[in-house]
PDB file of all heavy atoms in Angstrom:
ATOM      1  N   VAL A   1      16.989   2.422  33.906  1.00  0.00           N
ATOM      2  CA  VAL A   1      17.966   1.676  34.712  1.00  0.00           C
ATOM      3  C   VAL A   1      19.129   1.253  33.845  1.00  0.00           C
ATOM      4  O   VAL A   1      18.932   0.564  32.830  1.00  0.00           O
ATOM      5  CB  VAL A   1      17.312   0.395  35.353  1.00  0.00           C
ATOM      6  CG1 VAL A   1      18.329  -0.388  36.174  1.00  0.00           C
ATOM      7  CG2 VAL A   1      16.111   0.811  36.235  1.00  0.00           C
ATOM      8  N   PRO A   2      20.371   1.609  34.163  1.00  0.00           N
ATOM      9  CA  PRO A   2      21.495   1.127  33.391  1.00  0.00           C
ATOM     10  C   PRO A   2      21.768  -0.313  33.750  1.00  0.00           C
ATOM     11  O   PRO A   2      21.943  -0.675  34.929  1.00  0.00           O
ATOM     12  CB  PRO A   2      22.641   2.061  33.867  1.00  0.00           C
ATOM     13  CG  PRO A   2      22.203   2.511  35.245  1.00  0.00           C
ATOM     14  CD  PRO A   2      20.706   2.548  35.282  1.00  0.00           C
ATOM     15  N   GLY A   3      21.847  -1.106  32.711  1.00  0.00           N
ATOM     16  CA  GLY A   3      22.100  -2.561  32.915  1.00  0.00           C
ATOM     17  C   GLY A   3      23.531  -2.927  32.510  1.00  0.00           C
ATOM     18  O   GLY A   3      24.349  -2.042  32.208  1.00  0.00           O
ATOM     19  N   PRO A   4      23.827  -4.191  32.507  1.00  0.00           N
ATOM     20  CA  PRO A   4      25.190  -4.641  32.166  1.00  0.00           C
ATOM     21  C   PRO A   4      25.538  -4.271  30.739  1.00  0.00           C
ATOM     22  O   PRO A   4      24.717  -4.510  29.843  1.00  0.00           O
ATOM     23  CB  PRO A   4      25.107  -6.182  32.380  1.00  0.00           C
ATOM     24  CG  PRO A   4      23.873  -6.432  33.210  1.00  0.00           C
ATOM     25  CD  PRO A   4      22.923  -5.293  32.875  1.00  0.00           C
ATOM     26  N   ARG A   5      26.711  -3.868  30.509  1.00  0.00           N
ATOM     27  CA  ARG A   5      27.196  -3.568  29.120  1.00  0.00           C
ATOM     28  C   ARG A   5      27.940  -4.776  28.529  1.00  0.00           C
ATOM     29  O   ARG A   5      28.265  -4.790  27.362  1.00  0.00           O
ATOM     30  CB  ARG A   5      28.169  -2.373  29.136  1.00  0.00           C
ATOM     31  CG  ARG A   5      27.457  -1.066  29.527  1.00  0.00           C
ATOM     32  CD  ARG A   5      26.267  -0.746  28.598  1.00  0.00           C
ATOM     33  NE  ARG A   5      26.606  -0.760  27.183  1.00  0.00           N
ATOM     34  CZ  ARG A   5      27.007   0.279  26.482  1.00  0.00           C
ATOM     35  NH1 ARG A   5      27.153   1.429  27.121  1.00  0.00           N
ATOM     36  NH2 ARG A   5      27.262   0.193  25.231  1.00  0.00           N
ATOM     37  N   HIS A   6      28.173  -5.730  29.339  1.00  0.00           N
ATOM     38  CA  HIS A   6      28.840  -7.014  28.867  1.00  0.00           C
ATOM     39  C   HIS A   6      27.764  -8.149  28.779  1.00  0.00           C
ATOM     40  O   HIS A   6      26.786  -8.143  29.436  1.00  0.00           O
ATOM     41  CB  HIS A   6      29.922  -7.429  29.862  1.00  0.00           C
ATOM     42  CG  HIS A   6      29.438  -7.597  31.222  1.00  0.00           C
ATOM     43  ND1 HIS A   6      29.426  -6.599  32.130  1.00  0.00           N
ATOM     44  CD2 HIS A   6      28.908  -8.651  31.955  1.00  0.00           C
ATOM     45  CE1 HIS A   6      28.957  -6.963  33.321  1.00  0.00           C
ATOM     46  NE2 HIS A   6      28.640  -8.200  33.207  1.00  0.00           N
ATOM     47  N   PRO A   7      28.032  -9.063  27.846  1.00  0.00           N
ATOM     48  CA  PRO A   7      27.067 -10.205  27.652  1.00  0.00           C
ATOM     49  C   PRO A   7      27.051 -11.064  28.912  1.00  0.00           C
ATOM     50  O   PRO A   7      28.036 -11.325  29.622  1.00  0.00           O
ATOM     51  CB  PRO A   7      27.661 -11.017  26.488  1.00  0.00           C
ATOM     52  CG  PRO A   7      28.590 -10.044  25.823  1.00  0.00           C
ATOM     53  CD  PRO A   7      29.148  -9.152  26.910  1.00  0.00           C
ATOM     54  N   LEU A   8      25.874 -11.663  29.220  1.00  0.00           N
ATOM     55  CA  LEU A   8      25.640 -12.514  30.333  1.00  0.00           C
ATOM     56  C   LEU A   8      25.290 -13.854  29.820  1.00  0.00           C
ATOM     57  O   LEU A   8      24.861 -14.071  28.707  1.00  0.00           O
ATOM     58  CB  LEU A   8      24.564 -11.991  31.290  1.00  0.00           C
ATOM     59  CG  LEU A   8      24.705 -10.632  31.850  1.00  0.00           C
ATOM     60  CD1 LEU A   8      23.420 -10.234  32.669  1.00  0.00           C
ATOM     61  CD2 LEU A   8      25.923 -10.572  32.799  1.00  0.00           C
ATOM     62  N   ALA A   9      25.454 -14.910  30.753  1.00  0.00           N
ATOM     63  CA  ALA A   9      25.006 -16.242  30.385  1.00  0.00           C
ATOM     64  C   ALA A   9      24.465 -16.878  31.668  1.00  0.00           C
ATOM     65  O   ALA A   9      24.944 -16.541  32.770  1.00  0.00           O
ATOM     66  CB  ALA A   9      26.160 -17.089  29.812  1.00  0.00           C
ATOM     67  N   LEU A  10      23.536 -17.816  31.482  1.00  0.00           N
ATOM     68  CA  LEU A  10      22.972 -18.469  32.605  1.00  0.00           C
ATOM     69  C   LEU A  10      23.029 -19.971  32.360  1.00  0.00           C
ATOM     70  O   LEU A  10      22.426 -20.444  31.402  1.00  0.00           O
ATOM     71  CB  LEU A  10      21.542 -18.038  32.904  1.00  0.00           C
ATOM     72  CG  LEU A  10      20.801 -18.607  34.067  1.00  0.00           C
ATOM     73  CD1 LEU A  10      21.517 -18.223  35.362  1.00  0.00           C
ATOM     74  CD2 LEU A  10      19.360 -18.085  34.153  1.00  0.00           C
ATOM     75  N   GLN A  11      23.787 -20.706  33.131  1.00  0.00           N
ATOM     76  CA  GLN A  11      24.019 -22.165  32.981  1.00  0.00           C
ATOM     77  C   GLN A  11      24.485 -22.433  31.516  1.00  0.00           C
ATOM     78  O   GLN A  11      24.043 -23.391  30.915  1.00  0.00           O
ATOM     79  CB  GLN A  11      22.760 -22.941  33.313  1.00  0.00           C
ATOM     80  CG  GLN A  11      23.058 -24.312  33.846  1.00  0.00           C
ATOM     81  CD  GLN A  11      21.902 -24.926  34.654  1.00  0.00           C
ATOM     82  OE1 GLN A  11      20.802 -24.320  34.755  1.00  0.00           O
ATOM     83  NE2 GLN A  11      22.114 -26.056  35.207  1.00  0.00           N
ATOM     84  N   GLY A  12      25.358 -21.572  31.045  1.00  0.00           N
ATOM     85  CA  GLY A  12      25.928 -21.752  29.731  1.00  0.00           C
ATOM     86  C   GLY A  12      25.044 -21.228  28.587  1.00  0.00           C
ATOM     87  O   GLY A  12      25.522 -21.234  27.390  1.00  0.00           O
ATOM     88  N   ARG A  13      23.825 -20.797  28.891  1.00  0.00           N
ATOM     89  CA  ARG A  13      22.929 -20.266  27.822  1.00  0.00           C
ATOM     90  C   ARG A  13      23.105 -18.787  27.749  1.00  0.00           C
ATOM     91  O   ARG A  13      22.938 -18.060  28.714  1.00  0.00           O
ATOM     92  CB  ARG A  13      21.520 -20.630  28.065  1.00  0.00           C
ATOM     93  CG  ARG A  13      21.105 -22.027  27.761  1.00  0.00           C
ATOM     94  CD  ARG A  13      21.550 -23.058  28.729  1.00  0.00           C
ATOM     95  NE  ARG A  13      20.932 -24.330  28.491  1.00  0.00           N
ATOM     96  CZ  ARG A  13      21.175 -25.433  29.177  1.00  0.00           C
ATOM     97  NH1 ARG A  13      22.111 -25.395  30.138  1.00  0.00           N
ATOM     98  NH2 ARG A  13      20.561 -26.565  28.911  1.00  0.00           N
ATOM     99  N   PRO A  14      23.438 -18.296  26.522  1.00  0.00           N
ATOM    100  CA  PRO A  14      23.594 -16.768  26.417  1.00  0.00           C
ATOM    101  C   PRO A  14      22.245 -16.039  26.677  1.00  0.00           C
ATOM    102  O   PRO A  14      21.210 -16.454  26.284  1.00  0.00           O
ATOM    103  CB  PRO A  14      24.007 -16.620  24.976  1.00  0.00           C
ATOM    104  CG  PRO A  14      24.514 -17.898  24.508  1.00  0.00           C
ATOM    105  CD  PRO A  14      23.746 -18.936  25.269  1.00  0.00           C
ATOM    106  N   VAL A  15      22.400 -14.928  27.383  1.00  0.00           N
ATOM    107  CA  VAL A  15      21.268 -14.026  27.651  1.00  0.00           C
ATOM    108  C   VAL A  15      21.161 -13.135  26.450  1.00  0.00           C
ATOM    109  O   VAL A  15      22.032 -12.259  26.257  1.00  0.00           O
ATOM    110  CB  VAL A  15      21.402 -13.178  28.951  1.00  0.00           C
ATOM    111  CG1 VAL A  15      20.244 -12.215  29.115  1.00  0.00           C
ATOM    112  CG2 VAL A  15      21.503 -14.157  30.157  1.00  0.00           C
ATOM    113  N   LEU A  16      20.084 -13.276  25.682  1.00  0.00           N
ATOM    114  CA  LEU A  16      19.905 -12.466  24.479  1.00  0.00           C
ATOM    115  C   LEU A  16      19.446 -11.063  24.759  1.00  0.00           C
ATOM    116  O   LEU A  16      19.847 -10.110  24.091  1.00  0.00           O
ATOM    117  CB  LEU A  16      18.892 -13.143  23.524  1.00  0.00           C
ATOM    118  CG  LEU A  16      19.242 -14.618  23.084  1.00  0.00           C
ATOM    119  CD1 LEU A  16      18.102 -15.179  22.241  1.00  0.00           C
ATOM    120  CD2 LEU A  16      20.535 -14.592  22.291  1.00  0.00           C
ATOM    121  N   GLU A  17      18.540 -10.877  25.693  1.00  0.00           N
ATOM    122  CA  GLU A  17      18.052  -9.604  26.102  1.00  0.00           C
ATOM    123  C   GLU A  17      17.446  -9.613  27.491  1.00  0.00           C
ATOM    124  O   GLU A  17      17.075 -10.703  27.990  1.00  0.00           O
ATOM    125  CB  GLU A  17      17.001  -9.127  25.041  1.00  0.00           C
ATOM    126  CG  GLU A  17      15.776 -10.011  24.988  1.00  0.00           C
ATOM    127  CD  GLU A  17      14.760  -9.429  24.007  1.00  0.00           C
ATOM    128  OE1 GLU A  17      14.820  -8.234  23.705  1.00  0.00           O
ATOM    129  OE2 GLU A  17      13.934 -10.190  23.492  1.00  0.00           O
ATOM    130  N   LEU A  18      17.408  -8.438  28.066  1.00  0.00           N
ATOM    131  CA  LEU A  18      16.780  -8.243  29.395  1.00  0.00           C
ATOM    132  C   LEU A  18      15.655  -7.276  29.203  1.00  0.00           C
ATOM    133  O   LEU A  18      15.829  -6.150  28.681  1.00  0.00           O
ATOM    134  CB  LEU A  18      17.811  -7.711  30.428  1.00  0.00           C
ATOM    135  CG  LEU A  18      18.986  -8.574  30.813  1.00  0.00           C
ATOM    136  CD1 LEU A  18      19.922  -7.875  31.730  1.00  0.00           C
ATOM    137  CD2 LEU A  18      18.462  -9.866  31.438  1.00  0.00           C
ATOM    138  N   VAL A  19      14.497  -7.639  29.705  1.00  0.00           N
ATOM    139  CA  VAL A  19      13.249  -6.858  29.496  1.00  0.00           C
ATOM    140  C   VAL A  19      12.684  -6.462  30.847  1.00  0.00           C
ATOM    141  O   VAL A  19      12.311  -7.406  31.637  1.00  0.00           O
ATOM    142  CB  VAL A  19      12.222  -7.652  28.657  1.00  0.00           C
ATOM    143  CG1 VAL A  19      11.040  -6.749  28.326  1.00  0.00           C
ATOM    144  CG2 VAL A  19      12.879  -8.135  27.381  1.00  0.00           C
ATOM    145  N   PRO A  20      12.535  -5.169  31.190  1.00  0.00           N
ATOM    146  CA  PRO A  20      12.102  -4.771  32.531  1.00  0.00           C
ATOM    147  C   PRO A  20      10.591  -4.635  32.605  1.00  0.00           C
ATOM    148  O   PRO A  20       9.898  -4.395  31.579  1.00  0.00           O
ATOM    149  CB  PRO A  20      12.825  -3.478  32.714  1.00  0.00           C
ATOM    150  CG  PRO A  20      12.789  -2.854  31.342  1.00  0.00           C
ATOM    151  CD  PRO A  20      12.973  -4.047  30.361  1.00  0.00           C
ATOM    152  N   ALA A  21      10.045  -4.693  33.819  1.00  0.00           N
ATOM    153  CA  ALA A  21       8.634  -4.399  34.012  1.00  0.00           C
ATOM    154  C   ALA A  21       8.484  -3.810  35.393  1.00  0.00           C
ATOM    155  O   ALA A  21       9.086  -4.300  36.363  1.00  0.00           O
ATOM    156  CB  ALA A  21       7.816  -5.701  33.956  1.00  0.00           C
ATOM    157  N   VAL A  22       7.685  -2.790  35.526  1.00  0.00           N
ATOM    158  CA  VAL A  22       7.418  -2.125  36.775  1.00  0.00           C
ATOM    159  C   VAL A  22       5.897  -2.028  36.994  1.00  0.00           C
ATOM    160  O   VAL A  22       5.132  -2.101  36.050  1.00  0.00           O
ATOM    161  CB  VAL A  22       7.993  -0.697  36.820  1.00  0.00           C
ATOM    162  CG1 VAL A  22       9.500  -0.735  36.953  1.00  0.00           C
ATOM    163  CG2 VAL A  22       7.537   0.139  35.661  1.00  0.00           C
ATOM    164  N   PRO A  23       5.488  -1.932  38.248  1.00  0.00           N
ATOM    165  CA  PRO A  23       4.024  -1.919  38.565  1.00  0.00           C
ATOM    166  C   PRO A  23       3.404  -0.530  38.313  1.00  0.00           C
ATOM    167  O   PRO A  23       4.100   0.409  38.145  1.00  0.00           O
ATOM    168  CB  PRO A  23       3.965  -2.302  40.017  1.00  0.00           C
ATOM    169  CG  PRO A  23       5.265  -1.791  40.590  1.00  0.00           C
ATOM    170  CD  PRO A  23       6.280  -1.943  39.483  1.00  0.00           C
ATOM    171  N   ILE A  24       2.073  -0.490  38.351  1.00  0.00           N
ATOM    172  CA  ILE A  24       1.342   0.748  38.316  1.00  0.00           C
ATOM    173  C   ILE A  24       0.577   0.860  39.651  1.00  0.00           C
ATOM    174  O   ILE A  24       0.169  -0.156  40.291  1.00  0.00           O
ATOM    175  CB  ILE A  24       0.427   0.856  37.113  1.00  0.00           C
ATOM    176  CG1 ILE A  24      -0.585  -0.331  37.072  1.00  0.00           C
ATOM    177  CG2 ILE A  24       1.144   0.991  35.850  1.00  0.00           C
ATOM    178  CD1 ILE A  24      -1.607  -0.220  36.044  1.00  0.00           C
ATOM    179  N   ALA A  25       0.354   2.110  40.082  1.00  0.00           N
ATOM    180  CA  ALA A  25      -0.327   2.356  41.344  1.00  0.00           C
ATOM    181  C   ALA A  25      -0.693   3.855  41.362  1.00  0.00           C
ATOM    182  O   ALA A  25      -0.317   4.597  40.517  1.00  0.00           O
ATOM    183  CB  ALA A  25       0.561   2.018  42.538  1.00  0.00           C
ATOM    184  N   MET A  26      -1.451   4.244  42.407  1.00  0.00           N
ATOM    185  CA  MET A  26      -1.754   5.688  42.629  1.00  0.00           C
ATOM    186  C   MET A  26      -2.338   6.385  41.419  1.00  0.00           C
ATOM    187  O   MET A  26      -1.962   7.445  41.018  1.00  0.00           O
ATOM    188  CB  MET A  26      -0.540   6.421  43.122  1.00  0.00           C
ATOM    189  CG  MET A  26       0.005   5.905  44.485  1.00  0.00           C
ATOM    190  SD  MET A  26       1.359   6.909  45.087  1.00  0.00           S
ATOM    191  CE  MET A  26       0.559   8.474  45.449  1.00  0.00           C
ATOM    192  N   ARG A  27      -3.254   5.667  40.733  1.00  0.00           N
ATOM    193  CA  ARG A  27      -4.061   6.168  39.639  1.00  0.00           C
ATOM    194  C   ARG A  27      -3.186   6.385  38.381  1.00  0.00           C
ATOM    195  O   ARG A  27      -3.672   6.864  37.398  1.00  0.00           O
ATOM    196  CB  ARG A  27      -4.693   7.530  39.985  1.00  0.00           C
ATOM    197  CG  ARG A  27      -5.714   7.452  41.095  1.00  0.00           C
ATOM    198  CD  ARG A  27      -6.173   8.807  41.545  1.00  0.00           C
ATOM    199  NE  ARG A  27      -6.754   9.605  40.452  1.00  0.00           N
ATOM    200  CZ  ARG A  27      -8.023   9.586  40.073  1.00  0.00           C
ATOM    201  NH1 ARG A  27      -8.878   8.766  40.675  1.00  0.00           N
ATOM    202  NH2 ARG A  27      -8.505  10.306  39.045  1.00  0.00           N
ATOM    203  N   LEU A  28      -1.940   5.871  38.352  1.00  0.00           N
ATOM    204  CA  LEU A  28      -1.151   5.932  37.155  1.00  0.00           C
ATOM    205  C   LEU A  28      -1.482   4.711  36.323  1.00  0.00           C
ATOM    206  O   LEU A  28      -1.221   3.566  36.700  1.00  0.00           O
ATOM    207  CB  LEU A  28       0.369   5.921  37.488  1.00  0.00           C
ATOM    208  CG  LEU A  28       0.800   7.042  38.420  1.00  0.00           C
ATOM    209  CD1 LEU A  28       2.314   6.967  38.624  1.00  0.00           C
ATOM    210  CD2 LEU A  28       0.495   8.407  37.829  1.00  0.00           C
TER     211      LEU A  28
END
């Protein structure tokens, strides 16, 4: 998944990194 190329902040706190998670199903 292509994410933002620019820095983000939440309530003034810098977002250091974004970490994704997806589920497993169908014997995977």
